């Protein structure tokens, strides 16, 4: 503490009625003033002393009320966290409710909010097990060796289709989906991310005309479309291994569909029969055979329960954020300020000070007690919100309408982390 601020404490202690009274009580008798304004110091009266007209609690200077805001600013010069700041303060200064004031100051600090840590993982919420095959399907796109692919996977049987795309336009994706739905039937629900192929007006019309519910996950929250993301990994490995070994990838895909899972193979669960492959099999073995749906449902549910049990041991539920509350949300590697304008479960609709609207999962949102947002927090980014709501609106038919106008970044492109480390696409995925 500098010499000047110490002189200020001398001066303000003299002018602080409360501290002056406390000093008199220390030097005289506490019993005379127990019912007066010194009640905040009564519990620690045995630790208080007066040295050179300053009040001390042990070795810590008791700071007058008028100087507390200035001391708080000095404590937070290095923008340390709450606990570090409290430890520093406990070494040299004291005033009643000091810890509370430190918490409030840091929670309102713009700079600290820019660098807040990610929220802890939330408890796993699994997609309900469908009653039968091809009722709920997940879909996603991926790029491999310069080619684009579409993956569609069934939540009941784990049977998946993978097709090569000439381009990633919404019209092309819709045509491939129509072809699959014509073979296996129209599902009740299609789950996807927020890629532009799925958020277009054309895809909305496709969902209405083909009578299925389209559910989208929150941007940058791939876990919500977990089965499709996991299937992408499986499809990539299958194609990579076939290329490396010089084998036909479709034969590998056929064997995958014939390989039993917990209750049966994907082909059996979807079509109630084995598929003839290059392995020897008799016609009798190829006869249709229905797998008990109840047992399949129970086994899938047990598997989900085990997964949730082990996953949730290291998770923490986050409180719901009320309408209008100030927040910071993840945008690239930065924390952008916004206000909550709508919510459905863990998905929140946010509006920034400049009027742009975004959708995020609760995991990517941290609450803010900032009294006002700093202007320079409007971070430049390649992700531009779409001001045209009629074009950027996504109807989540499973939930209340939430707007989104964001473009999912390509999973194949490189990026740089907050620490400066550059993450590049593995060489095995390059041409």
Protein backbone atom coordinates (compact mmCIF):
# COMPACT_ATOMS: atom_id res chain seq x y z
CA UNK A 1 0.00 0.00 0.00
CA UNK A 2 1.44 3.35 -1.04
CA UNK A 3 2.29 6.18 1.36
CA UNK A 4 -0.44 8.42 -0.10
CA UNK A 5 -3.26 5.94 0.41
CA UNK A 6 -2.06 5.29 3.94
CA UNK A 7 -2.34 9.02 4.67
CA UNK A 8 -5.83 8.93 3.20
CA UNK A 9 -6.76 6.12 5.59
CA UNK A 10 -5.44 8.19 8.54
CA UNK A 11 -7.53 11.14 7.42
CA UNK A 12 -10.71 9.25 6.60
CA UNK A 13 -10.57 7.21 9.81
CA UNK A 14 -10.79 10.47 11.72
CA UNK A 15 -13.81 11.53 9.67
CA UNK A 16 -15.55 8.13 9.73
CA UNK A 17 -18.10 8.24 12.56
CA UNK A 18 -18.35 4.45 12.77
CA UNK A 19 -14.59 3.81 12.91
CA UNK A 20 -14.10 6.69 15.35
CA UNK A 21 -16.66 5.11 17.65
CA UNK A 22 -15.01 1.68 17.29
CA UNK A 23 -11.67 3.21 18.16
CA UNK A 24 -13.16 4.76 21.29
CA UNK A 25 -14.68 1.42 22.27
CA UNK A 26 -11.33 -0.33 21.88
CA UNK A 27 -9.61 2.24 24.06
CA UNK A 28 -12.44 2.44 26.62
CA UNK A 29 -15.39 0.06 27.10
CA UNK A 30 -17.31 -1.96 24.46
CA UNK A 31 -20.30 -2.53 26.76
CA UNK A 32 -21.30 1.12 26.50
CA UNK A 33 -21.80 0.89 22.74
CA UNK A 34 -23.04 -2.64 22.12
CA UNK A 35 -26.45 -1.43 20.89
CA UNK A 36 -25.03 1.28 18.70
CA UNK A 37 -23.55 1.22 15.16
CA UNK A 38 -20.55 -0.84 16.25
CA UNK A 39 -22.55 -4.10 16.22
CA UNK A 40 -20.72 -5.23 13.01
CA UNK A 41 -17.47 -5.26 14.97
CA UNK A 42 -18.79 -6.80 18.19
CA UNK A 43 -17.96 -10.43 17.31
CA UNK A 44 -14.34 -9.54 16.51
CA UNK A 45 -13.83 -6.99 19.27
CA UNK A 46 -11.10 -9.09 20.87
CA UNK A 47 -9.08 -8.97 17.63
CA UNK A 48 -9.25 -5.20 17.23
CA UNK A 49 -6.47 -2.85 18.29
CA UNK A 50 -5.51 0.78 17.75
CA UNK A 51 -2.02 1.61 16.49
CA UNK A 52 -1.06 5.18 15.62
CA UNK A 53 -4.76 6.13 15.49
CA UNK A 54 -5.49 3.40 12.94
CA UNK A 55 -7.82 0.49 13.69
CA UNK A 56 -6.35 -2.97 13.07
CA UNK A 57 -7.90 -6.43 13.03
CA UNK A 58 -4.86 -8.48 13.91
CA UNK A 59 -2.27 -7.31 11.36
CA UNK A 60 -4.87 -5.99 8.92
CA UNK A 61 -5.82 -2.34 8.55
CA UNK A 62 -9.54 -1.62 8.91
CA UNK A 63 -10.45 0.53 5.88
CA UNK A 64 -12.92 3.43 6.24
CA UNK A 65 -16.13 3.17 4.21
CA UNK A 66 -15.32 6.01 1.82
CA UNK A 67 -12.02 4.39 0.74
CA UNK A 68 -13.34 0.88 0.23
CA UNK A 69 -14.17 1.36 -3.51
CA UNK A 70 -10.64 2.63 -4.18
CA UNK A 71 -9.09 -0.28 -2.29
CA UNK A 72 -11.26 -2.70 -4.29
CA UNK A 73 -9.94 -1.24 -7.54
CA UNK A 74 -6.36 -1.63 -6.35
CA UNK A 75 -7.01 -5.21 -5.25
CA UNK A 76 -8.31 -6.04 -8.72
CA UNK A 77 -5.43 -4.46 -10.64
CA UNK A 78 -4.20 -7.87 -11.85
CA UNK A 79 -7.74 -9.13 -12.56
CA UNK A 80 -7.24 -12.18 -10.40
CA UNK A 81 -10.18 -14.44 -9.59
CA UNK A 82 -12.43 -14.12 -6.55
CA UNK A 83 -10.51 -16.47 -4.29
CA UNK A 84 -7.09 -15.07 -5.20
CA UNK A 85 -8.31 -11.51 -4.62
CA UNK A 86 -9.78 -12.47 -1.25
CA UNK A 87 -6.53 -14.12 -0.20
CA UNK A 88 -4.61 -11.00 -1.11
CA UNK A 89 -7.04 -8.79 0.80
CA UNK A 90 -7.01 -11.01 3.91
CA UNK A 91 -3.29 -10.41 4.31
CA UNK A 92 -3.42 -6.63 4.77
CA UNK A 93 -6.91 -5.09 4.99
CA UNK A 94 -10.35 -5.64 6.50
CA UNK A 95 -13.85 -4.23 6.63
CA UNK A 96 -17.21 -5.90 7.33
CA UNK A 97 -18.63 -7.83 4.33
CA UNK A 98 -15.38 -7.42 2.43
CA UNK A 99 -15.69 -10.86 0.77
CA UNK A 100 -19.16 -10.00 -0.50
CA UNK A 101 -17.92 -6.71 -1.97
CA UNK A 102 -15.05 -8.49 -3.72
CA UNK A 103 -17.42 -11.05 -5.24
CA UNK A 104 -19.74 -8.33 -6.48
CA UNK A 105 -16.89 -6.26 -7.95
CA UNK A 106 -15.35 -9.16 -9.89
CA UNK A 107 -18.72 -10.41 -11.14
CA UNK A 108 -19.30 -6.95 -12.68
CA UNK A 109 -15.83 -6.64 -14.24
CA UNK A 110 -16.00 -6.51 -18.07
CA UNK A 111 -12.45 -7.76 -18.52
CA UNK A 112 -12.93 -10.73 -16.21
CA UNK A 113 -16.13 -11.68 -18.02
CA UNK A 114 -14.20 -11.71 -21.30
CA UNK A 115 -11.94 -14.43 -19.90
CA UNK A 116 -14.34 -16.48 -17.75
CA UNK A 117 -13.81 -20.23 -17.79
CA UNK A 118 -16.18 -22.57 -19.58
CA UNK A 119 -19.14 -23.84 -17.57
CA UNK A 120 -18.77 -27.35 -16.14
CA UNK A 121 -20.43 -30.20 -18.02
CA UNK A 122 -24.16 -30.52 -17.47
CA UNK A 123 -25.94 -33.82 -16.79
CA UNK A 124 -26.50 -35.90 -19.90
CA UNK A 125 -29.95 -35.76 -21.47
CA UNK A 126 -30.38 -38.72 -23.83
CA UNK A 127 -32.73 -38.78 -26.78
CA UNK A 128 -35.69 -41.05 -25.89
CA UNK A 129 -35.49 -44.53 -27.39
CA UNK A 130 -37.95 -44.73 -30.32
CA UNK A 131 -40.71 -47.33 -30.27
CA UNK A 132 -39.55 -48.84 -33.55
CA UNK A 133 -37.13 -48.59 -36.49
CA UNK A 134 -36.80 -45.48 -38.65
CA UNK A 135 -39.04 -43.35 -36.47
CA UNK A 136 -36.28 -40.97 -35.34
CA UNK A 137 -33.23 -40.38 -37.52
CA UNK A 138 -30.20 -38.13 -37.21
CA UNK A 139 -28.37 -36.56 -40.12
CA UNK A 140 -25.11 -34.72 -40.66
CA UNK A 141 -22.58 -33.79 -43.35
CA UNK A 142 -18.86 -34.40 -43.45
CA UNK A 143 -15.96 -33.91 -45.84
CA UNK A 144 -13.31 -36.53 -46.60
CA UNK A 145 -10.54 -36.35 -49.22
CA UNK A 146 -12.17 -33.29 -50.77
CA UNK A 147 -15.56 -34.97 -51.19
CA UNK A 148 -18.74 -34.20 -49.29
CA UNK A 149 -20.92 -36.92 -47.76
CA UNK A 150 -24.34 -37.15 -46.16
CA UNK A 151 -24.95 -39.48 -43.24
CA UNK A 152 -28.39 -40.55 -41.97
CA UNK A 153 -28.63 -42.88 -38.96
CA UNK A 154 -31.58 -44.57 -37.28
CA UNK A 155 -31.84 -44.05 -33.50
CA UNK A 156 -33.52 -47.42 -32.97
CA UNK A 157 -31.51 -49.87 -35.09
CA UNK A 158 -28.25 -47.88 -35.49
CA UNK A 159 -28.55 -48.61 -39.23
CA UNK A 160 -26.99 -45.79 -41.23
CA UNK A 161 -26.76 -44.65 -44.83
CA UNK A 162 -23.83 -42.69 -46.25
CA UNK A 163 -23.96 -41.10 -49.71
CA UNK A 164 -21.54 -38.94 -51.65
CA UNK A 165 -22.77 -35.46 -52.58
CA UNK A 166 -21.89 -33.48 -55.71
CA UNK A 167 -22.38 -30.31 -53.62
CA UNK A 168 -23.71 -29.32 -50.21
CA UNK A 169 -26.67 -27.25 -51.35
CA UNK A 170 -29.90 -27.71 -49.45
CA UNK A 171 -31.64 -28.95 -52.60
CA UNK A 172 -29.08 -31.74 -53.05
CA UNK A 173 -29.36 -32.84 -49.42
CA UNK A 174 -33.15 -32.90 -49.69
CA UNK A 175 -33.05 -35.06 -52.82
CA UNK A 176 -30.82 -37.63 -51.09
CA UNK A 177 -33.06 -37.66 -48.03
CA UNK A 178 -36.14 -38.16 -50.20
CA UNK A 179 -34.47 -41.17 -51.81
CA UNK A 180 -33.81 -42.75 -48.39
CA UNK A 181 -37.27 -41.95 -47.07
CA UNK A 182 -38.78 -43.56 -50.18
CA UNK A 183 -36.90 -46.79 -49.32
CA UNK A 184 -37.42 -46.95 -45.57
CA UNK A 185 -40.41 -44.70 -45.02
CA UNK A 186 -40.89 -41.20 -43.67
CA UNK A 187 -39.60 -40.82 -40.09
CA UNK A 188 -41.54 -39.00 -37.42
CA UNK A 189 -38.54 -36.89 -36.45
CA UNK A 190 -35.31 -35.75 -38.13
CA UNK A 191 -32.53 -34.39 -35.90
CA UNK A 192 -29.74 -32.25 -37.36
CA UNK A 193 -27.36 -29.43 -36.54
CA UNK A 194 -27.78 -25.83 -37.69
CA UNK A 195 -25.96 -26.14 -41.01
CA UNK A 196 -27.37 -23.90 -43.70
CA UNK A 197 -28.59 -26.98 -45.57
CA UNK A 198 -30.98 -27.70 -42.70
CA UNK A 199 -31.97 -24.15 -41.75
CA UNK A 200 -33.07 -23.04 -45.21
CA UNK A 201 -36.64 -22.22 -46.15
CA UNK A 202 -36.48 -25.06 -48.67
CA UNK A 203 -35.77 -27.60 -45.93
CA UNK A 204 -38.61 -26.21 -43.83
CA UNK A 205 -40.99 -26.76 -46.72
CA UNK A 206 -39.59 -30.28 -47.18
CA UNK A 207 -40.32 -31.07 -43.51
CA UNK A 208 -43.88 -29.78 -43.85
CA UNK A 209 -44.60 -31.57 -47.15
CA UNK A 210 -43.12 -34.88 -45.97
CA UNK A 211 -44.80 -34.61 -42.58
CA UNK A 212 -41.87 -35.01 -40.20
CA UNK A 213 -40.70 -33.01 -37.22
CA UNK A 214 -37.37 -31.26 -37.69
CA UNK A 215 -35.37 -30.74 -34.50
CA UNK A 216 -32.14 -28.76 -34.57
CA UNK A 217 -29.38 -28.72 -31.95
CA UNK A 218 -27.93 -25.51 -30.53
CA UNK A 219 -25.05 -24.09 -32.60
CA UNK A 220 -21.60 -25.31 -31.53
CA UNK A 221 -23.17 -27.97 -29.30
CA UNK A 222 -22.48 -31.14 -31.23
CA UNK A 223 -23.38 -33.30 -28.26
CA UNK A 224 -27.07 -32.60 -28.89
CA UNK A 225 -26.72 -34.39 -32.25
CA UNK A 226 -24.47 -37.02 -30.71
CA UNK A 227 -25.53 -40.16 -32.59
CA UNK A 228 -25.09 -38.50 -35.99
CA UNK A 229 -21.68 -37.13 -34.94
CA UNK A 230 -20.64 -40.59 -33.73
CA UNK A 231 -21.85 -42.14 -36.97
CA UNK A 232 -19.76 -39.65 -38.95
CA UNK A 233 -16.68 -40.94 -37.15
CA UNK A 234 -17.66 -44.54 -37.95
CA UNK A 235 -18.28 -43.73 -41.62
CA UNK A 236 -14.99 -41.86 -41.94
CA UNK A 237 -13.00 -44.73 -40.46
CA UNK A 238 -14.77 -47.23 -42.68
CA UNK A 239 -14.00 -45.21 -45.83
CA UNK A 240 -10.43 -44.49 -44.75
CA UNK A 241 -9.62 -48.13 -44.03
CA UNK A 242 -11.17 -49.29 -47.30
CA UNK A 243 -9.10 -46.76 -49.25
CA UNK A 244 -5.88 -47.66 -47.43
CA UNK A 245 -6.46 -51.40 -47.96
CA UNK A 246 -7.69 -51.00 -51.53
CA UNK A 247 -11.02 -52.67 -50.72
CA UNK A 248 -14.59 -51.89 -51.70
CA UNK A 249 -16.05 -49.59 -48.97
CA UNK A 250 -19.58 -50.84 -49.68
CA UNK A 251 -18.60 -54.36 -48.67
CA UNK A 252 -17.33 -52.97 -45.40
CA UNK A 253 -20.58 -51.07 -44.95
CA UNK A 254 -22.55 -54.27 -45.64
CA UNK A 255 -20.62 -56.20 -42.99
CA UNK A 256 -21.13 -53.39 -40.49
CA UNK A 257 -24.89 -53.59 -41.02
CA UNK A 258 -24.79 -57.36 -40.43
CA UNK A 259 -22.73 -57.15 -37.22
CA UNK A 260 -24.74 -57.66 -34.04
CA UNK A 261 -25.00 -54.93 -31.44
CA UNK A 262 -26.55 -55.41 -28.00
CA UNK A 263 -29.83 -56.91 -29.26
CA UNK A 264 -29.25 -57.65 -32.93
CA UNK A 265 -27.59 -56.33 -36.06
CA UNK A 266 -28.73 -53.01 -37.56
CA UNK A 267 -30.11 -54.90 -40.57
CA UNK A 268 -32.12 -57.25 -38.34
CA UNK A 269 -33.52 -54.44 -36.26
CA UNK A 270 -34.50 -52.39 -39.31
CA UNK A 271 -35.53 -55.11 -41.80
CA UNK A 272 -36.05 -58.17 -39.56
CA UNK A 273 -33.58 -60.21 -41.62
CA UNK A 274 -29.91 -60.81 -42.31
CA UNK A 275 -28.37 -59.35 -45.46
CA UNK A 276 -26.49 -61.70 -47.77
CA UNK A 277 -22.82 -60.79 -47.95
CA UNK A 278 -19.51 -62.37 -49.01
CA UNK A 279 -19.61 -64.61 -45.93
CA UNK A 280 -21.28 -68.04 -46.34
CA UNK A 281 -24.94 -68.14 -45.31
CA UNK A 282 -27.87 -70.43 -46.11
CA UNK A 283 -31.28 -69.44 -47.42
CA UNK A 284 -32.81 -70.59 -44.17
CA UNK A 285 -30.64 -68.15 -42.26
CA UNK A 286 -31.84 -65.38 -44.55
CA UNK A 287 -35.48 -65.94 -43.70
CA UNK A 288 -37.15 -62.98 -41.96
CA UNK A 289 -37.03 -63.14 -38.19
CA UNK A 290 -38.51 -60.47 -35.97
CA UNK A 291 -36.51 -59.38 -32.93
CA UNK A 292 -38.58 -58.73 -29.82
CA UNK A 293 -39.25 -54.99 -29.75
CA UNK A 294 -39.79 -54.86 -25.99
CA UNK A 295 -36.42 -56.48 -25.25
CA UNK A 296 -34.72 -54.14 -27.70
CA UNK A 297 -36.32 -51.12 -26.08
CA UNK A 298 -35.36 -52.28 -22.58
CA UNK A 299 -31.76 -52.98 -23.58
CA UNK A 300 -31.42 -49.58 -25.28
CA UNK A 301 -32.89 -47.90 -22.18
CA UNK A 302 -30.53 -49.80 -19.86
CA UNK A 303 -27.59 -48.80 -22.03
CA UNK A 304 -28.61 -45.14 -21.88
CA UNK A 305 -29.06 -45.36 -18.11
CA UNK A 306 -25.54 -46.78 -17.64
CA UNK A 307 -24.11 -44.10 -19.88
CA UNK A 308 -25.90 -41.35 -17.96
CA UNK A 309 -24.84 -42.78 -14.61
CA UNK A 310 -21.12 -42.70 -15.38
CA UNK A 311 -21.23 -39.45 -17.35
CA UNK A 312 -23.22 -37.54 -14.74
CA UNK A 313 -20.79 -38.30 -11.92
CA UNK A 314 -18.63 -35.36 -13.02
CA UNK A 315 -21.38 -32.95 -14.10
CA UNK A 316 -23.20 -30.03 -12.52
CA UNK A 317 -26.64 -28.67 -13.34
CA UNK A 318 -26.78 -25.01 -14.30
CA UNK A 319 -29.50 -22.66 -13.10
CA UNK A 320 -32.04 -21.44 -15.62
CA UNK A 321 -31.46 -17.87 -16.83
CA UNK A 322 -34.51 -15.60 -16.61
CA UNK A 323 -35.81 -13.52 -19.50
CA UNK A 324 -33.93 -10.25 -19.95
CA UNK A 325 -30.90 -11.32 -17.90
CA UNK A 326 -27.47 -10.17 -19.04
CA UNK A 327 -25.16 -12.95 -20.20
CA UNK A 328 -21.98 -13.68 -22.10
CA UNK A 329 -22.04 -16.40 -24.75
CA UNK A 330 -19.38 -18.24 -26.69
CA UNK A 331 -18.67 -16.85 -30.15
CA UNK A 332 -15.58 -18.42 -31.71
CA UNK A 333 -12.98 -18.01 -28.95
CA UNK A 334 -14.52 -14.90 -27.40
CA UNK A 335 -17.32 -14.06 -24.97
CA UNK A 336 -19.90 -11.78 -26.54
CA UNK A 337 -22.42 -9.86 -24.38
CA UNK A 338 -26.14 -10.35 -24.87
CA UNK A 339 -29.53 -10.51 -23.18
CA UNK A 340 -31.84 -13.51 -22.95
CA UNK A 341 -35.07 -13.11 -24.92
CA UNK A 342 -36.36 -16.71 -25.09
CA UNK A 343 -35.63 -20.13 -23.63
CA UNK A 344 -36.63 -23.73 -24.16
CA UNK A 345 -34.98 -26.25 -21.85
CA UNK A 346 -31.23 -25.71 -22.35
CA UNK A 347 -31.53 -23.76 -25.59
CA UNK A 348 -31.56 -19.95 -25.29
CA UNK A 349 -32.30 -17.20 -27.78
CA UNK A 350 -30.01 -14.21 -27.24
CA UNK A 351 -29.89 -10.67 -28.58
CA UNK A 352 -26.67 -8.62 -28.59
CA UNK A 353 -26.44 -4.85 -27.96
CA UNK A 354 -26.23 -4.29 -31.74
CA UNK A 355 -29.48 -6.21 -32.32
CA UNK A 356 -28.07 -9.47 -33.72
CA UNK A 357 -29.77 -12.67 -32.56
CA UNK A 358 -28.03 -15.94 -31.69
CA UNK A 359 -29.02 -19.30 -30.27
CA UNK A 360 -26.83 -21.12 -27.76
CA UNK A 361 -26.94 -24.05 -25.38
CA UNK A 362 -26.83 -23.28 -21.65
CA UNK A 363 -23.33 -24.81 -21.52
CA UNK A 364 -22.02 -21.98 -23.74
CA UNK A 365 -23.65 -19.20 -21.69
CA UNK A 366 -22.38 -17.60 -18.49
CA UNK A 367 -24.50 -15.22 -16.45
CA UNK A 368 -23.29 -11.65 -16.03
CA UNK A 369 -23.82 -9.04 -13.33
CA UNK A 370 -22.20 -6.30 -15.39
CA UNK A 371 -24.00 -3.00 -14.93
CA UNK A 372 -23.32 -2.13 -18.55
CA UNK A 373 -21.54 -3.79 -21.45
CA UNK A 374 -18.31 -2.34 -22.72
CA UNK A 375 -18.54 -1.09 -26.30
CA UNK A 376 -15.35 -2.80 -27.43
CA UNK A 377 -16.84 -6.21 -26.66
CA UNK A 378 -18.44 -6.17 -30.11
CA UNK A 379 -15.86 -8.63 -31.41
CA UNK A 380 -15.27 -8.93 -35.12
CA UNK A 381 -15.96 -12.42 -36.40
CA UNK A 382 -16.48 -14.34 -39.58
CA UNK A 383 -19.81 -15.54 -38.23
CA UNK A 384 -22.32 -12.95 -39.35
CA UNK A 385 -25.91 -13.10 -38.11
CA UNK A 386 -28.58 -12.93 -40.78
CA UNK A 387 -30.63 -9.74 -40.36
CA UNK A 388 -33.40 -11.18 -42.53
CA UNK A 389 -35.48 -13.09 -39.98
CA UNK A 390 -37.68 -14.64 -42.63
CA UNK A 391 -34.64 -16.31 -44.17
CA UNK A 392 -32.70 -16.96 -40.96
CA UNK A 393 -35.53 -18.35 -38.86
CA UNK A 394 -35.38 -21.99 -37.90
CA UNK A 395 -38.49 -23.66 -36.61
CA UNK A 396 -37.71 -26.30 -34.03
CA UNK A 397 -41.00 -28.16 -34.24
CA UNK A 398 -40.28 -30.08 -31.06
CA UNK A 399 -39.85 -26.85 -29.14
CA UNK A 400 -41.10 -23.25 -29.21
CA UNK A 401 -39.83 -21.29 -32.22
CA UNK A 402 -36.28 -20.13 -31.68
CA UNK A 403 -34.55 -17.94 -34.20
CA UNK A 404 -31.12 -18.65 -35.52
CA UNK A 405 -29.11 -16.97 -38.21
CA UNK A 406 -25.76 -18.57 -37.78
CA UNK A 407 -23.56 -20.59 -40.07
CA UNK A 408 -21.90 -23.63 -38.58
CA UNK A 409 -18.17 -23.53 -39.21
CA UNK A 410 -16.75 -26.39 -41.22
CA UNK A 411 -15.37 -29.09 -38.97
CA UNK A 412 -12.53 -29.56 -41.47
CA UNK A 413 -11.17 -26.03 -41.24
CA UNK A 414 -8.38 -25.19 -38.84
CA UNK A 415 -8.73 -22.74 -36.00
CA UNK A 416 -6.68 -21.17 -33.24
CA UNK A 417 -7.42 -21.71 -29.54
CA UNK A 418 -7.53 -18.94 -26.93
CA UNK A 419 -4.01 -19.82 -25.81
CA UNK A 420 -2.76 -19.32 -29.37
CA UNK A 421 -2.29 -22.98 -30.29
CA UNK A 422 -3.22 -23.65 -33.90
CA UNK A 423 -5.40 -26.72 -34.51
CA UNK A 424 -5.08 -28.16 -38.00
CA UNK A 425 -6.84 -30.87 -39.91
CA UNK A 426 -4.99 -34.21 -39.62
CA UNK A 427 -2.94 -35.09 -42.71
CA UNK A 428 -4.81 -38.33 -43.17
CA UNK A 429 -7.90 -36.30 -44.06
CA UNK A 430 -6.08 -34.32 -46.76
CA UNK A 431 -5.91 -35.28 -50.42
